Amino acid sequence: GNTPAPVAVSNACAIQYSKLKGVLFDIDGTLTNSDPLHFKAFQDILVELRYNNGVPIDEEFFRKHISGRHNPDIAADLFPTWSAEQHVEFYESKEARYRSM
């Protein structure tokens, strides 16, 4: 009949938009709160980089300077003398750490 063909999204998935009832977006904190994992990832990597002389950041610092902000802005604020490439390396390492948790 007039049923639209499925649209391939990947090799493992196809969506028939005519059957779609809704779309769910998870704004952080709505379904899951990932801040504790981001805090731990930032805390660990900053200790390794000897930020603040290797003293771990606390949750207050995280809330004030990191939580809810974009990685490029965080990197620029924490390491103002670093190059753009160093900033990218920092936040990509942090994201990899977060995803491995």
PDB file of N, CA and C in Angstrom:
ATOM      1  N   GLY A   1       0.787  -1.177   0.000  1.00  0.00           N
ATOM      2  CA  GLY A   1       0.000   0.000   0.000  1.00  0.00           C
ATOM      3  C   GLY A   1       0.834   1.248   0.000  1.00  0.00           C
ATOM      4  N   ASN A   2       0.387   2.210   0.763  1.00  0.00           N
ATOM      5  CA  ASN A   2       1.034   3.522   0.836  1.00  0.00           C
ATOM      6  C   ASN A   2       1.965   3.643   2.034  1.00  0.00           C
ATOM      7  N   THR A   3       2.343   2.526   2.656  1.00  0.00           N
ATOM      8  CA  THR A   3       3.236   2.560   3.812  1.00  0.00           C
ATOM      9  C   THR A   3       4.626   2.982   3.358  1.00  0.00           C
ATOM     10  N   PRO A   4       5.191   4.025   3.995  1.00  0.00           N
ATOM     11  CA  PRO A   4       6.545   4.457   3.604  1.00  0.00           C
ATOM     12  C   PRO A   4       7.568   3.374   3.926  1.00  0.00           C
ATOM     13  N   ALA A   5       8.585   3.331   3.107  1.00  0.00           N
ATOM     14  CA  ALA A   5       9.670   2.367   3.332  1.00  0.00           C
ATOM     15  C   ALA A   5      10.440   2.767   4.577  1.00  0.00           C
ATOM     16  N   PRO A   6      10.969   1.782   5.309  1.00  0.00           N
ATOM     17  CA  PRO A   6      11.805   2.116   6.474  1.00  0.00           C
ATOM     18  C   PRO A   6      13.018   2.931   6.048  1.00  0.00           C
ATOM     19  N   VAL A   7      13.448   3.822   6.920  1.00  0.00           N
ATOM     20  CA  VAL A   7      14.642   4.619   6.675  1.00  0.00           C
ATOM     21  C   VAL A   7      15.776   3.982   7.454  1.00  0.00           C
ATOM     22  N   ALA A   8      16.830   3.611   6.763  1.00  0.00           N
ATOM     23  CA  ALA A   8      17.975   2.974   7.426  1.00  0.00           C
ATOM     24  C   ALA A   8      18.742   4.022   8.223  1.00  0.00           C
ATOM     25  N   VAL A   9      18.919   3.772   9.501  1.00  0.00           N
ATOM     26  CA  VAL A   9      19.688   4.651  10.361  1.00  0.00           C
ATOM     27  C   VAL A   9      21.103   4.106  10.507  1.00  0.00           C
ATOM     28  N   SER A  10      21.223   2.819  10.592  1.00  0.00           N
ATOM     29  CA  SER A  10      22.514   2.137  10.637  1.00  0.00           C
ATOM     30  C   SER A  10      22.287   0.739  10.105  1.00  0.00           C
ATOM     31  N   ASN A  11      23.332  -0.041  10.066  1.00  0.00           N
ATOM     32  CA  ASN A  11      23.186  -1.417   9.599  1.00  0.00           C
ATOM     33  C   ASN A  11      22.311  -2.245  10.518  1.00  0.00           C
ATOM     34  N   ALA A  12      22.200  -1.842  11.773  1.00  0.00           N
ATOM     35  CA  ALA A  12      21.484  -2.649  12.761  1.00  0.00           C
ATOM     36  C   ALA A  12      20.088  -2.128  13.071  1.00  0.00           C
ATOM     37  N   CYS A  13      19.678  -1.000  12.472  1.00  0.00           N
ATOM     38  CA  CYS A  13      18.443  -0.377  12.899  1.00  0.00           C
ATOM     39  C   CYS A  13      17.739   0.279  11.712  1.00  0.00           C
ATOM     40  N   ALA A  14      16.420   0.183  11.682  1.00  0.00           N
ATOM     41  CA  ALA A  14      15.621   0.895  10.693  1.00  0.00           C
ATOM     42  C   ALA A  14      14.407   1.470  11.411  1.00  0.00           C
ATOM     43  N   ILE A  15      13.980   2.644  11.009  1.00  0.00           N
ATOM     44  CA  ILE A  15      12.857   3.299  11.658  1.00  0.00           C
ATOM     45  C   ILE A  15      11.740   3.478  10.643  1.00  0.00           C
ATOM     46  N   GLN A  16      10.547   3.091  11.016  1.00  0.00           N
ATOM     47  CA  GLN A  16       9.376   3.398  10.212  1.00  0.00           C
ATOM     48  C   GLN A  16       8.705   4.597  10.861  1.00  0.00           C
ATOM     49  N   TYR A  17       8.922   5.766  10.283  1.00  0.00           N
ATOM     50  CA  TYR A  17       8.450   7.004  10.889  1.00  0.00           C
ATOM     51  C   TYR A  17       6.939   7.052  11.046  1.00  0.00           C
ATOM     52  N   SER A  18       6.206   6.343  10.192  1.00  0.00           N
ATOM     53  CA  SER A  18       4.746   6.363  10.299  1.00  0.00           C
ATOM     54  C   SER A  18       4.264   5.685  11.574  1.00  0.00           C
ATOM     55  N   LYS A  19       5.102   4.838  12.184  1.00  0.00           N
ATOM     56  CA  LYS A  19       4.733   4.140  13.412  1.00  0.00           C
ATOM     57  C   LYS A  19       5.287   4.810  14.665  1.00  0.00           C
ATOM     58  N   LEU A  20       6.058   5.855  14.469  1.00  0.00           N
ATOM     59  CA  LEU A  20       6.693   6.558  15.577  1.00  0.00           C
ATOM     60  C   LEU A  20       5.638   7.310  16.385  1.00  0.00           C
ATOM     61  N   LYS A  21       5.602   7.081  17.683  1.00  0.00           N
ATOM     62  CA  LYS A  21       4.627   7.733  18.568  1.00  0.00           C
ATOM     63  C   LYS A  21       5.213   8.936  19.294  1.00  0.00           C
ATOM     64  N   GLY A  22       6.515   8.971  19.429  1.00  0.00           N
ATOM     65  CA  GLY A  22       7.149  10.069  20.137  1.00  0.00           C
ATOM     66  C   GLY A  22       8.647   9.915  20.142  1.00  0.00           C
ATOM     67  N   VAL A  23       9.315  10.938  20.605  1.00  0.00           N
ATOM     68  CA  VAL A  23      10.769  10.938  20.717  1.00  0.00           C
ATOM     69  C   VAL A  23      11.102  11.389  22.130  1.00  0.00           C
ATOM     70  N   LEU A  24      12.035  10.712  22.758  1.00  0.00           N
ATOM     71  CA  LEU A  24      12.422  11.029  24.123  1.00  0.00           C
ATOM     72  C   LEU A  24      13.830  11.604  24.116  1.00  0.00           C
ATOM     73  N   PHE A  25      13.978  12.773  24.694  1.00  0.00           N
ATOM     74  CA  PHE A  25      15.284  13.388  24.865  1.00  0.00           C
ATOM     75  C   PHE A  25      15.605  13.366  26.352  1.00  0.00           C
ATOM     76  N   ASP A  26      16.790  12.886  26.700  1.00  0.00           N
ATOM     77  CA  ASP A  26      17.200  12.866  28.100  1.00  0.00           C
ATOM     78  C   ASP A  26      18.072  14.076  28.368  1.00  0.00           C
ATOM     79  N   ILE A  27      17.484  15.085  28.969  1.00  0.00           N
ATOM     80  CA  ILE A  27      18.249  16.237  29.425  1.00  0.00           C
ATOM     81  C   ILE A  27      18.868  15.802  30.751  1.00  0.00           C
ATOM     82  N   ASP A  28      20.174  15.943  30.868  1.00  0.00           N
ATOM     83  CA  ASP A  28      20.873  15.385  32.020  1.00  0.00           C
ATOM     84  C   ASP A  28      20.169  15.762  33.319  1.00  0.00           C
ATOM     85  N   GLY A  29      19.912  14.762  34.122  1.00  0.00           N
ATOM     86  CA  GLY A  29      19.251  14.949  35.399  1.00  0.00           C
ATOM     87  C   GLY A  29      17.783  14.589  35.354  1.00  0.00           C
ATOM     88  N   THR A  30      17.222  14.439  34.148  1.00  0.00           N
ATOM     89  CA  THR A  30      15.815  14.081  34.023  1.00  0.00           C
ATOM     90  C   THR A  30      15.631  12.586  34.245  1.00  0.00           C
ATOM     91  N   LEU A  31      16.298  11.786  33.442  1.00  0.00           N
ATOM     92  CA  LEU A  31      16.215  10.329  33.596  1.00  0.00           C
ATOM     93  C   LEU A  31      17.411   9.781  34.364  1.00  0.00           C
ATOM     94  N   THR A  32      18.533  10.392  34.178  1.00  0.00           N
ATOM     95  CA  THR A  32      19.738   9.956  34.872  1.00  0.00           C
ATOM     96  C   THR A  32      20.593  11.177  35.186  1.00  0.00           C
ATOM     97  N   ASN A  33      21.306  11.114  36.269  1.00  0.00           N
ATOM     98  CA  ASN A  33      22.192  12.202  36.649  1.00  0.00           C
ATOM     99  C   ASN A  33      23.627  11.713  36.478  1.00  0.00           C
ATOM    100  N   SER A  34      24.274  12.190  35.445  1.00  0.00           N
ATOM    101  CA  SER A  34      25.645  11.752  35.178  1.00  0.00           C
ATOM    102  C   SER A  34      26.689  12.639  35.849  1.00  0.00           C
ATOM    103  N   ASP A  35      26.268  13.686  36.553  1.00  0.00           N
ATOM    104  CA  ASP A  35      27.237  14.582  37.190  1.00  0.00           C
ATOM    105  C   ASP A  35      28.230  13.860  38.105  1.00  0.00           C
ATOM    106  N   PRO A  36      27.796  12.877  38.917  1.00  0.00           N
ATOM    107  CA  PRO A  36      28.799  12.206  39.753  1.00  0.00           C
ATOM    108  C   PRO A  36      29.916  11.537  38.950  1.00  0.00           C
ATOM    109  N   LEU A  37      29.584  10.997  37.781  1.00  0.00           N
ATOM    110  CA  LEU A  37      30.616  10.380  36.944  1.00  0.00           C
ATOM    111  C   LEU A  37      31.507  11.431  36.296  1.00  0.00           C
ATOM    112  N   HIS A  38      30.910  12.531  35.847  1.00  0.00           N
ATOM    113  CA  HIS A  38      31.717  13.619  35.294  1.00  0.00           C
ATOM    114  C   HIS A  38      32.637  14.189  36.371  1.00  0.00           C
ATOM    115  N   PHE A  39      32.121  14.353  37.581  1.00  0.00           N
ATOM    116  CA  PHE A  39      32.936  14.859  38.688  1.00  0.00           C
ATOM    117  C   PHE A  39      34.148  13.956  38.904  1.00  0.00           C
ATOM    118  N   LYS A  40      33.929  12.661  38.973  1.00  0.00           N
ATOM    119  CA  LYS A  40      35.025  11.712  39.216  1.00  0.00           C
ATOM    120  C   LYS A  40      36.033  11.734  38.069  1.00  0.00           C
ATOM    121  N   ALA A  41      35.528  11.796  36.828  1.00  0.00           N
ATOM    122  CA  ALA A  41      36.435  11.838  35.677  1.00  0.00           C
ATOM    123  C   ALA A  41      37.292  13.100  35.708  1.00  0.00           C
ATOM    124  N   PHE A  42      36.659  14.249  35.966  1.00  0.00           N
ATOM    125  CA  PHE A  42      37.427  15.496  36.064  1.00  0.00           C
ATOM    126  C   PHE A  42      38.395  15.444  37.241  1.00  0.00           C
ATOM    127  N   GLN A  43      37.926  14.969  38.373  1.00  0.00           N
ATOM    128  CA  GLN A  43      38.777  14.910  39.562  1.00  0.00           C
ATOM    129  C   GLN A  43      40.028  14.075  39.284  1.00  0.00           C
ATOM    130  N   ASP A  44      39.847  12.896  38.722  1.00  0.00           N
ATOM    131  CA  ASP A  44      40.983  12.009  38.453  1.00  0.00           C
ATOM    132  C   ASP A  44      41.966  12.604  37.457  1.00  0.00           C
ATOM    133  N   ILE A  45      41.442  13.110  36.350  1.00  0.00           N
ATOM    134  CA  ILE A  45      42.344  13.612  35.311  1.00  0.00           C
ATOM    135  C   ILE A  45      43.069  14.876  35.764  1.00  0.00           C
ATOM    136  N   LEU A  46      42.388  15.714  36.552  1.00  0.00           N
ATOM    137  CA  LEU A  46      43.052  16.923  37.046  1.00  0.00           C
ATOM    138  C   LEU A  46      44.152  16.592  38.052  1.00  0.00           C
ATOM    139  N   VAL A  47      43.948  15.574  38.872  1.00  0.00           N
ATOM    140  CA  VAL A  47      45.012  15.125  39.777  1.00  0.00           C
ATOM    141  C   VAL A  47      46.214  14.640  38.959  1.00  0.00           C
ATOM    142  N   GLU A  48      45.946  13.839  37.936  1.00  0.00           N
ATOM    143  CA  GLU A  48      47.034  13.328  37.089  1.00  0.00           C
ATOM    144  C   GLU A  48      47.804  14.453  36.416  1.00  0.00           C
ATOM    145  N   LEU A  49      47.113  15.536  36.071  1.00  0.00           N
ATOM    146  CA  LEU A  49      47.760  16.675  35.423  1.00  0.00           C
ATOM    147  C   LEU A  49      48.390  17.642  36.419  1.00  0.00           C
ATOM    148  N   ARG A  50      48.255  17.305  37.705  1.00  0.00           N
ATOM    149  CA  ARG A  50      48.798  18.123  38.794  1.00  0.00           C
ATOM    150  C   ARG A  50      48.139  19.495  38.857  1.00  0.00           C
ATOM    151  N   TYR A  51      46.887  19.578  38.403  1.00  0.00           N
ATOM    152  CA  TYR A  51      46.122  20.813  38.570  1.00  0.00           C
ATOM    153  C   TYR A  51      45.969  21.058  40.068  1.00  0.00           C
ATOM    154  N   ASN A  52      46.086  22.307  40.501  1.00  0.00           N
ATOM    155  CA  ASN A  52      45.995  22.643  41.929  1.00  0.00           C
ATOM    156  C   ASN A  52      47.035  21.866  42.737  1.00  0.00           C
ATOM    157  N   ASN A  53      48.221  21.720  42.159  1.00  0.00           N
ATOM    158  CA  ASN A  53      49.330  20.985  42.788  1.00  0.00           C
ATOM    159  C   ASN A  53      48.969  19.545  43.115  1.00  0.00           C
ATOM    160  N   GLY A  54      48.050  18.966  42.346  1.00  0.00           N
ATOM    161  CA  GLY A  54      47.673  17.574  42.552  1.00  0.00           C
ATOM    162  C   GLY A  54      46.637  17.347  43.634  1.00  0.00           C
ATOM    163  N   VAL A  55      46.142  18.432  44.236  1.00  0.00           N
ATOM    164  CA  VAL A  55      45.095  18.308  45.257  1.00  0.00           C
ATOM    165  C   VAL A  55      43.763  18.113  44.525  1.00  0.00           C
ATOM    166  N   PRO A  56      43.025  17.043  44.834  1.00  0.00           N
ATOM    167  CA  PRO A  56      41.770  16.774  44.121  1.00  0.00           C
ATOM    168  C   PRO A  56      40.762  17.919  44.277  1.00  0.00           C
ATOM    169  N   ILE A  57      40.052  18.209  43.194  1.00  0.00           N
ATOM    170  CA  ILE A  57      38.976  19.198  43.295  1.00  0.00           C
ATOM    171  C   ILE A  57      37.862  18.616  44.155  1.00  0.00           C
ATOM    172  N   ASP A  58      37.108  19.502  44.781  1.00  0.00           N
ATOM    173  CA  ASP A  58      35.969  19.044  45.575  1.00  0.00           C
ATOM    174  C   ASP A  58      34.675  19.325  44.804  1.00  0.00           C
ATOM    175  N   GLU A  59      33.563  18.864  45.368  1.00  0.00           N
ATOM    176  CA  GLU A  59      32.286  19.017  44.686  1.00  0.00           C
ATOM    177  C   GLU A  59      31.895  20.486  44.533  1.00  0.00           C
ATOM    178  N   GLU A  60      32.255  21.327  45.492  1.00  0.00           N
ATOM    179  CA  GLU A  60      31.947  22.754  45.388  1.00  0.00           C
ATOM    180  C   GLU A  60      32.651  23.364  44.173  1.00  0.00           C
ATOM    181  N   PHE A  61      33.931  23.047  43.997  1.00  0.00           N
ATOM    182  CA  PHE A  61      34.679  23.537  42.838  1.00  0.00           C
ATOM    183  C   PHE A  61      34.039  23.034  41.556  1.00  0.00           C
ATOM    184  N   PHE A  62      33.677  21.752  41.535  1.00  0.00           N
ATOM    185  CA  PHE A  62      33.048  21.154  40.361  1.00  0.00           C
ATOM    186  C   PHE A  62      31.755  21.896  40.011  1.00  0.00           C
ATOM    187  N   ARG A  63      30.899  22.124  40.995  1.00  0.00           N
ATOM    188  CA  ARG A  63      29.625  22.814  40.750  1.00  0.00           C
ATOM    189  C   ARG A  63      29.846  24.243  40.257  1.00  0.00           C
ATOM    190  N   LYS A  64      30.823  24.926  40.837  1.00  0.00           N
ATOM    191  CA  LYS A  64      31.060  26.330  40.517  1.00  0.00           C
ATOM    192  C   LYS A  64      31.745  26.534  39.162  1.00  0.00           C
ATOM    193  N   HIS A  65      32.694  25.665  38.818  1.00  0.00           N
ATOM    194  CA  HIS A  65      33.550  25.904  37.653  1.00  0.00           C
ATOM    195  C   HIS A  65      33.358  24.931  36.487  1.00  0.00           C
ATOM    196  N   ILE A  66      32.681  23.806  36.719  1.00  0.00           N
ATOM    197  CA  ILE A  66      32.644  22.768  35.679  1.00  0.00           C
ATOM    198  C   ILE A  66      31.231  22.345  35.315  1.00  0.00           C
ATOM    199  N   SER A  67      30.437  21.965  36.280  1.00  0.00           N
ATOM    200  CA  SER A  67      29.121  21.383  36.029  1.00  0.00           C
ATOM    201  C   SER A  67      28.250  22.269  35.146  1.00  0.00           C
ATOM    202  N   GLY A  68      27.664  21.678  34.107  1.00  0.00           N
ATOM    203  CA  GLY A  68      26.753  22.387  33.228  1.00  0.00           C
ATOM    204  C   GLY A  68      27.411  23.226  32.152  1.00  0.00           C
ATOM    205  N   ARG A  69      28.714  23.211  32.097  1.00  0.00           N
ATOM    206  CA  ARG A  69      29.446  24.018  31.110  1.00  0.00           C
ATOM    207  C   ARG A  69      29.977  23.150  29.984  1.00  0.00           C
ATOM    208  N   HIS A  70      30.312  23.777  28.879  1.00  0.00           N
ATOM    209  CA  HIS A  70      30.866  23.064  27.727  1.00  0.00           C
ATOM    210  C   HIS A  70      32.360  22.812  27.933  1.00  0.00           C
ATOM    211  N   ASN A  71      32.801  21.642  27.498  1.00  0.00           N
ATOM    212  CA  ASN A  71      34.204  21.250  27.679  1.00  0.00           C
ATOM    213  C   ASN A  71      35.207  22.283  27.171  1.00  0.00           C
ATOM    214  N   PRO A  72      35.030  22.883  25.976  1.00  0.00           N
ATOM    215  CA  PRO A  72      36.025  23.875  25.535  1.00  0.00           C
ATOM    216  C   PRO A  72      36.139  25.067  26.487  1.00  0.00           C
ATOM    217  N   ASP A  73      35.014  25.499  27.050  1.00  0.00           N
ATOM    218  CA  ASP A  73      35.045  26.621  27.999  1.00  0.00           C
ATOM    219  C   ASP A  73      35.728  26.221  29.303  1.00  0.00           C
ATOM    220  N   ILE A  74      35.454  25.014  29.756  1.00  0.00           N
ATOM    221  CA  ILE A  74      36.084  24.514  30.986  1.00  0.00           C
ATOM    222  C   ILE A  74      37.597  24.463  30.806  1.00  0.00           C
ATOM    223  N   ALA A  75      38.036  23.857  29.690  1.00  0.00           N
ATOM    224  CA  ALA A  75      39.470  23.725  29.433  1.00  0.00           C
ATOM    225  C   ALA A  75      40.145  25.092  29.367  1.00  0.00           C
ATOM    226  N   ALA A  76      39.513  26.034  28.682  1.00  0.00           N
ATOM    227  CA  ALA A  76      40.097  27.384  28.561  1.00  0.00           C
ATOM    228  C   ALA A  76      40.199  28.073  29.912  1.00  0.00           C
ATOM    229  N   ASP A  77      39.210  27.879  30.771  1.00  0.00           N
ATOM    230  CA  ASP A  77      39.244  28.506  32.096  1.00  0.00           C
ATOM    231  C   ASP A  77      40.245  27.842  33.032  1.00  0.00           C
ATOM    232  N   LEU A  78      40.322  26.519  32.993  1.00  0.00           N
ATOM    233  CA  LEU A  78      41.240  25.807  33.886  1.00  0.00           C
ATOM    234  C   LEU A  78      42.699  25.948  33.452  1.00  0.00           C
ATOM    235  N   PHE A  79      42.916  26.016  32.141  1.00  0.00           N
ATOM    236  CA  PHE A  79      44.278  26.056  31.603  1.00  0.00           C
ATOM    237  C   PHE A  79      44.403  27.196  30.589  1.00  0.00           C
ATOM    238  N   PRO A  80      44.374  28.447  31.063  1.00  0.00           N
ATOM    239  CA  PRO A  80      44.361  29.592  30.137  1.00  0.00           C
ATOM    240  C   PRO A  80      45.629  29.740  29.294  1.00  0.00           C
ATOM    241  N   THR A  81      46.732  29.159  29.723  1.00  0.00           N
ATOM    242  CA  THR A  81      47.981  29.308  28.958  1.00  0.00           C
ATOM    243  C   THR A  81      48.177  28.197  27.929  1.00  0.00           C
ATOM    244  N   TRP A  82      47.307  27.205  27.935  1.00  0.00           N
ATOM    245  CA  TRP A  82      47.435  26.090  26.998  1.00  0.00           C
ATOM    246  C   TRP A  82      46.960  26.492  25.608  1.00  0.00           C
ATOM    247  N   SER A  83      47.471  25.761  24.621  1.00  0.00           N
ATOM    248  CA  SER A  83      47.031  25.956  23.233  1.00  0.00           C
ATOM    249  C   SER A  83      45.658  25.319  23.028  1.00  0.00           C
ATOM    250  N   ALA A  84      45.016  25.682  21.934  1.00  0.00           N
ATOM    251  CA  ALA A  84      43.717  25.080  21.588  1.00  0.00           C
ATOM    252  C   ALA A  84      43.855  23.570  21.447  1.00  0.00           C
ATOM    253  N   GLU A  85      44.955  23.123  20.885  1.00  0.00           N
ATOM    254  CA  GLU A  85      45.179  21.681  20.722  1.00  0.00           C
ATOM    255  C   GLU A  85      45.283  20.979  22.070  1.00  0.00           C
ATOM    256  N   GLN A  86      45.948  21.603  23.027  1.00  0.00           N
ATOM    257  CA  GLN A  86      46.052  21.029  24.368  1.00  0.00           C
ATOM    258  C   GLN A  86      44.681  20.983  25.038  1.00  0.00           C
ATOM    259  N   HIS A  87      43.873  22.010  24.826  1.00  0.00           N
ATOM    260  CA  HIS A  87      42.514  22.011  25.384  1.00  0.00           C
ATOM    261  C   HIS A  87      41.718  20.837  24.830  1.00  0.00           C
ATOM    262  N   VAL A  88      41.780  20.630  23.512  1.00  0.00           N
ATOM    263  CA  VAL A  88      41.049  19.528  22.885  1.00  0.00           C
ATOM    264  C   VAL A  88      41.540  18.196  23.435  1.00  0.00           C
ATOM    265  N   GLU A  89      42.842  18.027  23.543  1.00  0.00           N
ATOM    266  CA  GLU A  89      43.397  16.781  24.080  1.00  0.00           C
ATOM    267  C   GLU A  89      42.898  16.537  25.504  1.00  0.00           C
ATOM    268  N   PHE A  90      42.861  17.600  26.307  1.00  0.00           N
ATOM    269  CA  PHE A  90      42.395  17.490  27.694  1.00  0.00           C
ATOM    270  C   PHE A  90      40.949  17.025  27.743  1.00  0.00           C
ATOM    271  N   TYR A  91      40.050  17.723  27.038  1.00  0.00           N
ATOM    272  CA  TYR A  91      38.639  17.358  27.202  1.00  0.00           C
ATOM    273  C   TYR A  91      38.281  16.080  26.465  1.00  0.00           C
ATOM    274  N   GLU A  92      39.022  15.722  25.425  1.00  0.00           N
ATOM    275  CA  GLU A  92      38.782  14.419  24.806  1.00  0.00           C
ATOM    276  C   GLU A  92      39.229  13.289  25.743  1.00  0.00           C
ATOM    277  N   SER A  93      40.333  13.494  26.453  1.00  0.00           N
ATOM    278  CA  SER A  93      40.788  12.511  27.443  1.00  0.00           C
ATOM    279  C   SER A  93      39.788  12.382  28.578  1.00  0.00           C
ATOM    280  N   LYS A  94      39.258  13.510  29.013  1.00  0.00           N
ATOM    281  CA  LYS A  94      38.259  13.495  30.079  1.00  0.00           C
ATOM    282  C   LYS A  94      36.996  12.760  29.627  1.00  0.00           C
ATOM    283  N   GLU A  95      36.548  13.024  28.403  1.00  0.00           N
ATOM    284  CA  GLU A  95      35.354  12.351  27.887  1.00  0.00           C
ATOM    285  C   GLU A  95      35.579  10.852  27.759  1.00  0.00           C
ATOM    286  N   ALA A  96      36.757  10.446  27.308  1.00  0.00           N
ATOM    287  CA  ALA A  96      37.078   9.016  27.212  1.00  0.00           C
ATOM    288  C   ALA A  96      37.055   8.381  28.595  1.00  0.00           C
ATOM    289  N   ARG A  97      37.586   9.082  29.584  1.00  0.00           N
ATOM    290  CA  ARG A  97      37.580   8.595  30.958  1.00  0.00           C
ATOM    291  C   ARG A  97      36.147   8.422  31.451  1.00  0.00           C
ATOM    292  N   TYR A  98      35.330   9.436  31.218  1.00  0.00           N
ATOM    293  CA  TYR A  98      33.916   9.403  31.628  1.00  0.00           C
ATOM    294  C   TYR A  98      33.196   8.213  30.978  1.00  0.00           C
ATOM    295  N   ARG A  99      33.396   8.024  29.687  1.00  0.00           N
ATOM    296  CA  ARG A  99      32.689   6.945  28.971  1.00  0.00           C
ATOM    297  C   ARG A  99      33.156   5.548  29.414  1.00  0.00           C
ATOM    298  N   SER A 100      34.346   5.461  29.960  1.00  0.00           N
ATOM    299  CA  SER A 100      34.854   4.164  30.407  1.00  0.00           C
ATOM    300  C   SER A 100      34.353   3.769  31.786  1.00  0.00           C
ATOM    301  N   MET A 101      33.681   4.698  32.465  1.00  0.00           N
ATOM    302  CA  MET A 101      33.226   4.440  33.843  1.00  0.00           C
ATOM    303  C   MET A 101      31.931   3.657  33.857  1.00  0.00           C
TER     304      MET A 101
END
